[in-house]
Amino acid sequence: MGEAAITTTKVAVGEYEFQLHSAGDPSDPAVLFLHGSGPGATGLSNWAAVLKDLGEEYYCLAPDVIGFGGSSHPETPPQGLGPFTELRVDTLIGLLDALGVEKATLVGNSMGGMFSLGLAQRVPERVERIVLMGSAGSPAKPGPAIRALRNFYDDPTTEAMTALLEAFVHDPAEFGGDLAKIAAERVPQATRPEVERSHRATFSGTNPWSFTVEDAAGIAQEVLVIHGREDRFVPFVEAAVWFFEHLPNARLYGIGKCGHWTQIEQHDRFVTALRGFLTGAL
């Protein structure tokens, strides 16, 4: 099976505009891939290789969420994770409307897992299945690497970006010098004023996003929780196991020698698990 081509387009949703990366035929089952946070994060940076693998079987959608990348950055953004998440969930629903997608499987990485859970709460009838990968949203305390991510703009250098990217994986040596190259490429995008503004608003420390045991009990969809055992951003035991214990229809796939970037560091295992879950075999 070959690699699917990725197309990047702009999609208007009310007063906002999404930069959308997509692969596959709109007549195939839709899968909405939601990236995580961090300076310079985009749909393509998180999901390019996965879209190429699955785009011949599924209609794969990987937007830059509002406040990230090439999508709109509100001039006066909501302050705090809770209010900004509400806006992001609202506009993602609008994106599905604009694309004519009635129902999709959601694949959420880190903060993207929060957006997935928010969508499942708001429009459960439009969510087929959910994959939470290194997902935020549980009551778990953040891992030790979150501080560097949150405070990146206090010292927005290539060296700081390299150290941050190295924290995402279990063994940076396996990537050779690639992480330093990626960091150098990402810094000019990450230091755009509007990107910094959205980041600071998201992590302003006020108005947190809450997802309770009662909220989890209300998620009826089948959920696959994928998590790297050595995740330094979202701790495996405190987060992944919490989701497994409290989401009624959850299954848990933990991967050893793996950090926060499961889809990159353990790409083949991730795609195999995702494909099996999408087909109902897992």
Protein backbone atom coordinates (compact mmCIF):
# COMPACT_ATOMS: atom_id res chain seq x y z
CA MET A 1 0.00 0.00 0.00
CA GLY A 2 1.43 3.39 -1.03
CA GLU A 3 1.49 6.73 0.69
CA ALA A 4 -1.52 9.02 0.44
CA ALA A 5 -1.00 12.61 -0.68
CA ILE A 6 -1.63 15.39 1.84
CA THR A 7 -3.44 18.55 0.79
CA THR A 8 -3.43 21.81 2.77
CA THR A 9 -6.38 24.18 2.40
CA LYS A 10 -8.11 27.03 4.24
CA VAL A 11 -11.62 26.51 5.64
CA ALA A 12 -13.71 29.39 6.98
CA VAL A 13 -15.74 28.81 10.15
CA GLY A 14 -17.61 31.94 11.14
CA GLU A 15 -15.09 34.68 11.93
CA TYR A 16 -12.25 32.16 12.10
CA GLU A 17 -10.23 30.29 9.49
CA PHE A 18 -8.69 26.85 9.81
CA GLN A 19 -5.59 25.65 8.05
CA LEU A 20 -6.56 22.07 7.29
CA HIS A 21 -4.27 19.23 6.27
CA SER A 22 -6.16 16.30 4.78
CA ALA A 23 -5.67 13.04 2.97
CA GLY A 24 -8.11 10.55 1.50
CA ASP A 25 -11.53 10.46 -0.08
CA PRO A 26 -14.38 12.38 1.61
CA SER A 27 -16.64 9.40 0.91
CA ASP A 28 -14.53 7.21 3.26
CA PRO A 29 -15.04 7.13 7.04
CA ALA A 30 -13.74 10.35 8.60
CA VAL A 31 -10.97 10.49 11.19
CA LEU A 32 -10.27 13.84 12.86
CA PHE A 33 -6.70 14.08 14.17
CA LEU A 34 -6.23 16.73 16.89
CA HIS A 35 -2.71 17.81 17.73
CA GLY A 36 -1.31 18.72 21.12
CA SER A 37 -0.03 22.03 22.45
CA GLY A 38 3.42 23.50 22.53
CA PRO A 39 5.24 26.27 20.67
CA GLY A 40 5.04 25.66 16.93
CA ALA A 41 2.69 22.68 17.14
CA THR A 42 0.47 22.10 14.08
CA GLY A 43 -1.67 19.37 12.62
CA LEU A 44 1.04 18.51 10.13
CA SER A 45 3.86 18.41 12.67
CA ASN A 46 1.93 15.85 14.72
CA TRP A 47 0.23 13.76 12.08
CA ALA A 48 1.89 13.95 8.63
CA ALA A 49 3.23 10.39 8.62
CA VAL A 50 -0.01 8.94 9.99
CA LEU A 51 -2.10 10.70 7.33
CA LYS A 52 0.15 9.27 4.62
CA ASP A 53 -0.35 5.76 6.03
CA LEU A 54 -4.13 5.90 6.53
CA GLY A 55 -5.24 8.30 3.82
CA GLU A 56 -5.95 5.54 1.31
CA GLU A 57 -8.45 3.95 3.70
CA TYR A 58 -9.95 6.90 5.58
CA TYR A 59 -10.80 10.57 5.12
CA CYS A 60 -8.08 11.94 7.38
CA LEU A 61 -8.39 15.50 8.70
CA ALA A 62 -5.64 17.21 10.69
CA PRO A 63 -6.43 20.89 11.28
CA ASP A 64 -4.24 23.43 12.97
CA VAL A 65 -6.57 24.05 15.91
CA ILE A 66 -7.61 27.69 16.40
CA GLY A 67 -4.74 29.48 18.15
CA PHE A 68 -2.10 27.25 16.54
CA GLY A 69 -0.06 27.28 13.36
CA GLY A 70 -1.66 28.71 10.24
CA SER A 71 -5.17 28.91 11.64
CA SER A 72 -6.72 32.05 13.13
CA HIS A 73 -5.29 33.50 16.33
CA PRO A 74 -7.87 35.62 18.17
CA GLU A 75 -6.68 39.17 18.74
CA THR A 76 -8.19 38.99 22.22
CA PRO A 77 -7.95 35.28 23.04
CA PRO A 78 -9.87 33.61 25.87
CA GLN A 79 -7.73 33.55 28.99
CA GLY A 80 -7.12 30.13 30.48
CA LEU A 81 -7.31 26.55 29.37
CA GLY A 82 -11.03 26.19 30.06
CA PRO A 83 -12.35 29.14 28.01
CA PHE A 84 -9.88 28.58 25.16
CA THR A 85 -10.82 24.89 25.03
CA GLU A 86 -14.49 25.85 24.77
CA LEU A 87 -13.72 28.09 21.78
CA ARG A 88 -11.62 25.38 20.17
CA VAL A 89 -14.34 22.75 20.61
CA ASP A 90 -16.97 25.15 19.22
CA THR A 91 -14.91 25.89 16.13
CA LEU A 92 -14.03 22.22 15.57
CA ILE A 93 -17.76 21.46 15.48
CA GLY A 94 -18.05 24.27 12.96
CA LEU A 95 -15.24 22.73 10.92
CA LEU A 96 -17.09 19.41 10.72
CA ASP A 97 -20.19 21.33 9.62
CA ALA A 98 -18.25 23.20 6.94
CA LEU A 99 -16.80 19.95 5.58
CA GLY A 100 -20.14 18.15 5.66
CA VAL A 101 -18.79 15.50 8.05
CA GLU A 102 -21.69 14.10 10.05
CA LYS A 103 -19.66 11.67 12.16
CA ALA A 104 -15.95 11.09 12.78
CA THR A 105 -13.56 9.09 14.88
CA LEU A 106 -11.43 11.43 17.00
CA VAL A 107 -7.71 10.90 17.57
CA GLY A 108 -6.39 13.33 20.17
CA ASN A 109 -2.74 13.81 21.11
CA SER A 110 -2.09 15.42 24.52
CA MET A 111 -4.20 18.61 24.61
CA GLY A 112 -5.93 17.25 21.52
CA GLY A 113 -7.29 14.52 23.77
CA MET A 114 -9.02 17.23 25.80
CA PHE A 115 -10.57 18.61 22.63
CA SER A 116 -11.73 15.08 21.74
CA LEU A 117 -13.39 14.61 25.11
CA GLY A 118 -14.98 18.05 24.82
CA LEU A 119 -16.43 17.15 21.43
CA ALA A 120 -17.77 13.87 22.81
CA GLN A 121 -19.52 15.80 25.58
CA ARG A 122 -20.92 18.49 23.31
CA VAL A 123 -21.95 16.47 20.22
CA PRO A 124 -21.81 12.77 21.17
CA GLU A 125 -23.94 11.80 18.18
CA ARG A 126 -21.16 12.98 15.86
CA VAL A 127 -18.36 10.99 17.49
CA GLU A 128 -17.85 7.41 16.29
CA ARG A 129 -14.87 6.34 18.41
CA ILE A 130 -12.11 8.07 20.37
CA VAL A 131 -8.36 7.51 20.59
CA LEU A 132 -6.60 9.31 23.45
CA MET A 133 -2.84 9.40 22.92
CA GLY A 134 -0.77 10.77 25.78
CA SER A 135 -3.96 12.62 26.57
CA ALA A 136 -4.40 15.56 28.90
CA GLY A 137 -7.71 16.02 30.69
CA SER A 138 -7.42 13.66 33.63
CA PRO A 139 -6.89 14.97 37.20
CA ALA A 140 -3.23 13.89 36.97
CA LYS A 141 -0.57 16.41 37.92
CA PRO A 142 1.53 17.49 34.91
CA GLY A 143 4.81 15.72 34.31
CA PRO A 144 8.20 17.39 34.86
CA ALA A 145 8.61 18.51 31.23
CA ILE A 146 5.42 20.60 31.17
CA ARG A 147 7.15 23.53 32.86
CA ALA A 148 9.59 23.98 29.96
CA LEU A 149 6.72 23.82 27.46
CA ARG A 150 4.57 26.30 29.36
CA ASN A 151 7.43 28.74 29.90
CA PHE A 152 9.11 28.43 26.50
CA TYR A 153 8.61 32.10 25.64
CA ASP A 154 10.72 33.18 28.59
CA ASP A 155 13.72 31.99 26.52
CA PRO A 156 12.51 31.24 22.96
CA THR A 157 15.81 30.03 21.50
CA THR A 158 16.70 27.15 19.19
CA GLU A 159 18.56 25.54 22.08
CA ALA A 160 15.47 25.72 24.30
CA MET A 161 13.32 24.28 21.51
CA THR A 162 15.79 21.43 20.98
CA ALA A 163 15.73 20.57 24.69
CA LEU A 164 11.93 20.68 24.63
CA LEU A 165 11.69 18.34 21.64
CA GLU A 166 14.16 15.95 23.26
CA ALA A 167 11.86 15.75 26.28
CA PHE A 168 9.05 14.48 24.04
CA VAL A 169 10.83 11.20 23.28
CA HIS A 170 12.29 8.40 25.35
CA ASP A 171 15.70 8.30 23.64
CA PRO A 172 16.70 11.41 21.67
CA ALA A 173 19.85 9.63 20.44
CA GLU A 174 17.68 7.47 18.18
CA PHE A 175 16.78 10.59 16.20
CA GLY A 176 20.41 11.59 15.58
CA GLY A 177 20.52 15.30 14.81
CA ASP A 178 16.97 15.39 13.46
CA LEU A 179 15.48 16.98 16.59
CA ALA A 180 17.92 19.89 16.40
CA LYS A 181 17.04 20.39 12.73
CA ILE A 182 13.32 20.30 13.51
CA ALA A 183 13.86 22.79 16.34
CA ALA A 184 15.69 25.22 14.05
CA GLU A 185 12.86 24.99 11.53
CA ARG A 186 10.14 25.38 14.15
CA VAL A 187 11.47 28.42 16.05
CA PRO A 188 10.63 31.04 13.35
CA GLN A 189 7.02 29.80 13.32
CA ALA A 190 6.79 29.48 17.09
CA THR A 191 8.04 33.02 17.69
CA ARG A 192 5.42 34.69 15.53
CA PRO A 193 3.69 37.23 17.84
CA GLU A 194 0.23 35.76 17.34
CA VAL A 195 1.46 32.24 18.16
CA GLU A 196 3.06 33.47 21.38
CA ARG A 197 -0.14 35.38 22.24
CA SER A 198 -2.29 32.27 21.85
CA HIS A 199 0.16 30.16 23.85
CA ARG A 200 0.33 32.60 26.74
CA ALA A 201 -3.47 32.86 26.83
CA THR A 202 -3.84 29.08 26.91
CA PHE A 203 -1.41 28.71 29.81
CA SER A 204 -2.40 31.88 31.66
CA GLY A 205 -3.04 29.86 34.83
CA THR A 206 -6.62 31.01 35.21
CA ASN A 207 -9.91 29.24 34.42
CA PRO A 208 -8.76 25.61 34.17
CA TRP A 209 -10.54 22.93 32.16
CA SER A 210 -12.27 20.31 34.28
CA PHE A 211 -13.11 16.71 33.41
CA THR A 212 -14.53 14.73 36.32
CA VAL A 213 -15.26 11.11 37.12
CA GLU A 214 -18.91 11.89 36.37
CA ASP A 215 -17.93 13.41 33.01
CA ALA A 216 -15.91 10.31 32.14
CA ALA A 217 -18.83 8.04 33.02
CA GLY A 218 -20.92 9.88 30.43
CA ILE A 219 -18.60 9.05 27.51
CA ALA A 220 -20.34 6.12 25.82
CA GLN A 221 -18.04 5.67 22.82
CA GLU A 222 -15.40 2.98 22.52
CA VAL A 223 -12.10 4.57 23.61
CA LEU A 224 -8.56 3.40 22.95
CA VAL A 225 -6.04 4.91 25.39
CA ILE A 226 -2.50 4.82 23.96
CA HIS A 227 0.31 6.05 26.19
CA GLY A 228 4.10 5.91 26.33
CA ARG A 229 5.35 4.53 29.64
CA GLU A 230 8.17 7.10 29.81
CA ASP A 231 5.97 10.11 29.01
CA ARG A 232 7.47 13.18 30.76
CA PHE A 233 4.54 15.48 30.01
CA VAL A 234 1.49 13.39 30.95
CA PRO A 235 2.40 10.62 33.44
CA PHE A 236 1.35 7.15 32.33
CA VAL A 237 0.00 5.75 35.60
CA GLU A 238 -1.74 8.89 36.80
CA ALA A 239 -3.34 9.75 33.44
CA ALA A 240 -3.67 6.71 31.17
CA VAL A 241 -4.72 4.38 33.96
CA TRP A 242 -7.22 6.99 35.22
CA PHE A 243 -8.88 7.10 31.81
CA PHE A 244 -8.88 3.30 31.64
CA GLU A 245 -10.52 3.07 35.05
CA HIS A 246 -13.19 5.72 34.49
CA LEU A 247 -14.18 5.65 30.81
CA PRO A 248 -16.82 2.89 30.58
CA ASN A 249 -15.71 1.44 27.22
CA ALA A 250 -11.96 1.98 27.40
CA ARG A 251 -9.08 -0.26 26.50
CA LEU A 252 -5.46 0.58 27.34
CA TYR A 253 -2.35 0.14 25.22
CA GLY A 254 0.84 1.13 27.03
CA ILE A 255 4.13 1.17 25.12
CA GLY A 256 7.47 0.85 26.89
CA LYS A 257 10.59 2.78 25.86
CA CYS A 258 8.32 5.51 24.56
CA GLY A 259 7.70 9.11 25.57
CA HIS A 260 4.96 11.58 24.67
CA TRP A 261 5.22 11.27 20.87
CA THR A 262 3.88 7.74 20.42
CA GLN A 263 2.82 8.38 16.83
CA ILE A 264 6.38 9.42 15.93
CA GLU A 265 8.60 7.42 18.26
CA GLN A 266 6.63 4.18 17.91
CA HIS A 267 4.98 4.97 14.58
CA ASP A 268 4.41 1.44 13.29
CA ARG A 269 2.93 0.22 16.58
CA PHE A 270 0.71 3.29 16.78
CA VAL A 271 -0.63 2.91 13.23
CA THR A 272 -1.19 -0.83 13.69
CA ALA A 273 -3.16 -0.23 16.90
CA LEU A 274 -5.13 2.63 15.35
CA ARG A 275 -5.99 0.64 12.23
CA GLY A 276 -7.12 -2.30 14.35
CA PHE A 277 -9.28 -0.05 16.51
CA LEU A 278 -10.85 1.64 13.49
CA THR A 279 -11.79 -1.69 11.96
CA GLY A 280 -13.09 -3.14 15.20
CA ALA A 281 -10.38 -5.79 15.38
CA LEU A 282 -8.82 -4.34 18.54
